[in-house]
Protein backbone atom coordinates (compact mmCIF):
# COMPACT_ATOMS: atom_id res chain seq x y z
CA UNK A 1 138.69 127.31 -26.61
CA UNK A 2 139.17 126.01 -23.06
CA UNK A 3 137.52 122.88 -21.68
CA UNK A 4 134.72 124.86 -19.97
CA UNK A 5 133.79 126.52 -23.26
CA UNK A 6 133.85 123.14 -25.02
CA UNK A 7 131.60 121.59 -22.37
CA UNK A 8 129.15 124.47 -22.72
CA UNK A 9 128.50 123.72 -26.39
CA UNK A 10 125.88 121.01 -25.68
CA UNK A 11 124.36 119.21 -22.69
CA UNK A 12 125.68 115.83 -23.85
CA UNK A 13 129.12 114.76 -25.06
CA UNK A 14 128.81 111.55 -27.08
CA UNK A 15 131.31 108.94 -25.89
CA UNK A 16 132.17 106.97 -29.02
CA UNK A 17 133.93 103.62 -29.31
CA UNK A 18 134.62 103.23 -33.04
CA UNK A 19 135.56 99.82 -34.42
CA UNK A 20 135.66 100.64 -38.14
CA UNK A 21 137.29 103.83 -39.46
CA UNK A 22 134.83 104.07 -42.35
CA UNK A 23 131.98 104.77 -39.92
CA UNK A 24 133.77 107.69 -38.24
CA UNK A 25 132.92 110.53 -40.61
CA UNK A 26 129.23 109.73 -41.24
CA UNK A 27 128.77 109.11 -37.51
CA UNK A 28 130.32 112.46 -36.64
CA UNK A 29 128.26 114.26 -39.27
CA UNK A 30 125.02 112.73 -37.97
CA UNK A 31 125.80 113.74 -34.38
CA UNK A 32 126.79 117.28 -35.35
CA UNK A 33 123.70 117.65 -37.53
CA UNK A 34 121.61 116.55 -34.56
CA UNK A 35 123.10 119.29 -32.40
CA UNK A 36 125.98 117.56 -30.60
CA UNK A 37 129.22 119.08 -31.93
CA UNK A 38 131.55 117.90 -29.14
CA UNK A 39 132.65 114.29 -29.71
CA UNK A 40 134.83 112.07 -27.55
CA UNK A 41 136.56 109.21 -29.39
CA UNK A 42 137.70 106.64 -26.84
CA UNK A 43 141.14 105.13 -27.37
CA UNK A 44 139.83 101.61 -26.80
CA UNK A 45 140.03 100.21 -30.32
CA UNK A 46 142.67 99.85 -33.01
CA UNK A 47 140.60 102.15 -35.21
CA UNK A 48 140.34 104.96 -32.67
CA UNK A 49 143.33 107.05 -33.72
CA UNK A 50 142.50 106.83 -37.42
CA UNK A 51 138.87 107.68 -36.68
CA UNK A 52 139.98 110.74 -34.74
CA UNK A 53 142.21 111.86 -37.61
CA UNK A 54 139.43 111.41 -40.17
CA UNK A 55 136.89 113.40 -38.16
CA UNK A 56 139.39 116.17 -37.42
CA UNK A 57 140.19 116.48 -41.12
CA UNK A 58 136.78 115.91 -42.74
CA UNK A 59 134.25 117.23 -40.20
CA UNK A 60 135.61 120.66 -39.25
CA UNK A 61 132.35 121.65 -37.57
CA UNK A 62 132.95 118.91 -34.98
CA UNK A 63 135.02 119.55 -31.86
CA UNK A 64 136.65 116.14 -31.66
CA UNK A 65 138.57 114.94 -28.65
CA UNK A 66 140.24 111.78 -27.39
CA UNK A 67 138.92 109.80 -24.45
CA UNK A 68 140.48 107.08 -22.31
CA UNK A 69 143.82 108.91 -22.39
CA UNK A 70 146.06 107.16 -19.89
CA UNK A 71 149.58 108.52 -20.31
CA UNK A 72 151.74 111.29 -21.82
CA UNK A 73 152.58 109.15 -24.88
CA UNK A 74 148.91 109.01 -25.84
CA UNK A 75 148.66 112.75 -25.24
CA UNK A 76 151.32 113.35 -27.88
CA UNK A 77 149.63 110.94 -30.29
CA UNK A 78 146.19 112.52 -30.06
CA UNK A 79 147.57 116.01 -30.52
CA UNK A 80 149.28 114.88 -33.72
CA UNK A 81 145.99 113.30 -34.83
CA UNK A 82 144.15 116.60 -34.46
CA UNK A 83 142.36 116.21 -31.13
CA UNK A 84 141.03 119.48 -29.76
CA UNK A 85 140.64 118.20 -26.21
CA UNK A 86 141.42 115.15 -24.10
CA UNK A 87 139.57 113.11 -21.50
CA UNK A 88 140.87 110.57 -18.99
CA UNK A 89 139.02 108.10 -16.71
CA UNK A 90 141.40 109.07 -13.90
CA UNK A 91 144.56 111.13 -13.75
CA UNK A 92 148.15 110.33 -12.79
CA UNK A 93 150.70 112.89 -11.69
CA UNK A 94 152.64 112.34 -14.91
CA UNK A 95 149.61 112.84 -17.14
CA UNK A 96 148.50 115.98 -15.29
CA UNK A 97 151.98 117.48 -15.64
CA UNK A 98 152.16 116.65 -19.36
CA UNK A 99 148.73 118.13 -20.01
CA UNK A 100 149.62 121.32 -18.17
CA UNK A 101 152.50 121.98 -20.56
CA UNK A 102 150.75 120.75 -23.72
CA UNK A 103 148.08 123.43 -24.02
CA UNK A 104 145.45 120.79 -24.83
CA UNK A 105 142.11 121.42 -23.09
CA UNK A 106 141.70 118.48 -20.73
CA UNK A 107 138.94 116.81 -18.71
CA UNK A 108 140.56 114.61 -16.04
CA UNK A 109 138.55 111.91 -14.32
CA UNK A 110 137.87 111.60 -10.60
CA UNK A 111 135.84 109.37 -8.33
CA UNK A 112 136.69 110.75 -4.89
CA UNK A 113 136.81 114.06 -3.04
CA UNK A 114 140.57 113.70 -2.53
CA UNK A 115 141.18 113.21 -6.27
CA UNK A 116 139.07 116.28 -7.02
CA UNK A 117 141.01 118.33 -4.45
CA UNK A 118 144.34 117.22 -5.91
CA UNK A 119 143.34 118.21 -9.44
CA UNK A 120 141.85 121.50 -8.23
CA UNK A 121 145.25 122.30 -6.70
CA UNK A 122 146.74 121.75 -10.17
CA UNK A 123 144.34 124.27 -11.67
CA UNK A 124 141.65 121.99 -13.07
CA UNK A 125 138.16 123.33 -12.35
CA UNK A 126 136.08 121.06 -14.62
CA UNK A 127 136.38 117.34 -13.90
CA UNK A 128 134.95 114.14 -15.28
CA UNK A 129 133.06 112.16 -12.59
CA UNK A 130 133.47 108.50 -13.56
CA UNK A 131 131.92 105.98 -13.39
CA UNK A 132 129.09 108.23 -12.29
CA UNK A 133 126.22 105.78 -11.94
CA UNK A 134 127.96 103.29 -9.65
CA UNK A 135 130.18 105.82 -7.84
CA UNK A 136 127.34 107.73 -6.21
CA UNK A 137 125.51 109.42 -9.06
CA UNK A 138 123.57 112.59 -8.36
CA UNK A 139 123.81 111.96 -4.62
CA UNK A 140 127.61 112.19 -4.70
CA UNK A 141 127.49 115.35 -6.79
CA UNK A 142 124.99 117.02 -4.44
CA UNK A 143 127.09 116.09 -1.41
CA UNK A 144 130.28 117.32 -3.09
CA UNK A 145 128.84 120.69 -4.11
CA UNK A 146 129.51 122.49 -0.82
CA UNK A 147 133.02 121.21 0.05
CA UNK A 148 134.08 121.45 -3.60
CA UNK A 149 132.54 124.83 -4.29
CA UNK A 150 133.91 126.23 -7.52
CA UNK A 151 134.39 122.84 -9.18
CA UNK A 152 132.09 121.58 -11.93
CA UNK A 153 131.71 118.11 -13.33
CA UNK A 154 130.90 116.12 -16.44
CA UNK A 155 129.46 112.87 -15.06
CA UNK A 156 129.94 109.89 -17.37
CA UNK A 157 129.23 106.19 -17.02
CA UNK A 158 125.83 104.54 -16.90
CA UNK A 159 123.93 107.70 -17.84
CA UNK A 160 121.06 107.53 -20.32
CA UNK A 161 118.30 109.80 -21.60
CA UNK A 162 116.10 108.96 -18.62
CA UNK A 163 118.68 109.89 -15.97
CA UNK A 164 120.56 112.70 -17.74
CA UNK A 165 118.05 115.44 -16.79
CA UNK A 166 118.56 114.75 -13.07
CA UNK A 167 122.30 115.26 -13.52
CA UNK A 168 121.87 118.35 -15.68
CA UNK A 169 119.64 119.91 -13.01
CA UNK A 170 122.60 120.15 -10.63
CA UNK A 171 124.43 123.48 -10.49
CA UNK A 172 127.83 121.78 -10.41
CA UNK A 173 127.18 119.75 -13.58
CA UNK A 174 128.32 121.36 -16.84
CA UNK A 175 127.25 118.51 -19.13
CA UNK A 176 127.08 114.72 -19.19
CA UNK A 177 128.87 112.11 -21.24
CA UNK A 178 126.99 109.22 -22.78
CA UNK A 179 127.11 106.53 -25.43
CA UNK A 180 123.37 106.09 -25.92
CA UNK A 181 123.27 108.56 -28.81
CA UNK A 182 125.30 106.17 -30.98
CA UNK A 183 123.93 102.65 -30.45
CA UNK A 184 126.17 99.90 -31.81
CA UNK A 185 123.44 98.45 -34.01
CA UNK A 186 122.72 101.82 -35.60
CA UNK A 187 126.40 102.43 -36.28
CA UNK A 188 126.97 98.94 -37.71
CA UNK A 189 124.01 99.26 -40.10
CA UNK A 190 124.72 102.86 -41.02
CA UNK A 191 121.42 104.14 -39.65
CA UNK A 192 122.64 107.73 -39.50
CA UNK A 193 119.09 109.10 -39.47
CA UNK A 194 118.37 107.32 -36.20
CA UNK A 195 121.59 108.63 -34.69
CA UNK A 196 120.77 112.16 -35.82
CA UNK A 197 117.35 111.88 -34.13
CA UNK A 198 118.92 110.60 -30.91
CA UNK A 199 121.40 113.46 -31.01
CA UNK A 200 118.64 116.00 -31.54
CA UNK A 201 116.75 114.65 -28.53
CA UNK A 202 119.93 114.73 -26.43
CA UNK A 203 120.80 118.26 -27.50
CA UNK A 204 117.41 119.40 -26.23
CA UNK A 205 117.86 117.86 -22.75
CA UNK A 206 117.64 120.20 -19.81
CA UNK A 207 117.69 119.81 -16.07
CA UNK A 208 114.53 118.78 -14.23
């Protein structure tokens, strides 16, 4: 499954920062049950790699990936952990080269037209636009549509249920990334029913 096919599975990719490994599996199951099978585990905590391994092993219906990938070393680690795709906030030459030979579906991050052009030259046609909200939001994406015809984006950063439909309405947006479907208080208290309901609402989102 390539990154475009993964992005097409649901309108929202949950961006998950997991502090305790024991929450990983029930969290993933609640999100998948709610209709969001594609999960991005950010490599921002000590528990992230273990959480990724647990979900990959115990929640086979989830398409689990690693976010905040910064270098080729992390690329090797997440592949060993069972990641089915990777996501980066930006993209270095070294990381792009490593990804190209790894076979791992990859969503590299951009914030400028030049970055998008550089990655398009490397064969990437689906890009993460980050941080979307403060980097121009839907206005940037509309303006970029003509000069970057053929490229599609997954905007992430500052997007919530109120603003997601405006992004999803754009022809060059494949999906959005967001953390609102897994609030920290719901995760810490194990309120998986609430998370499932938030996921169900997110999975039903459409463009305006």
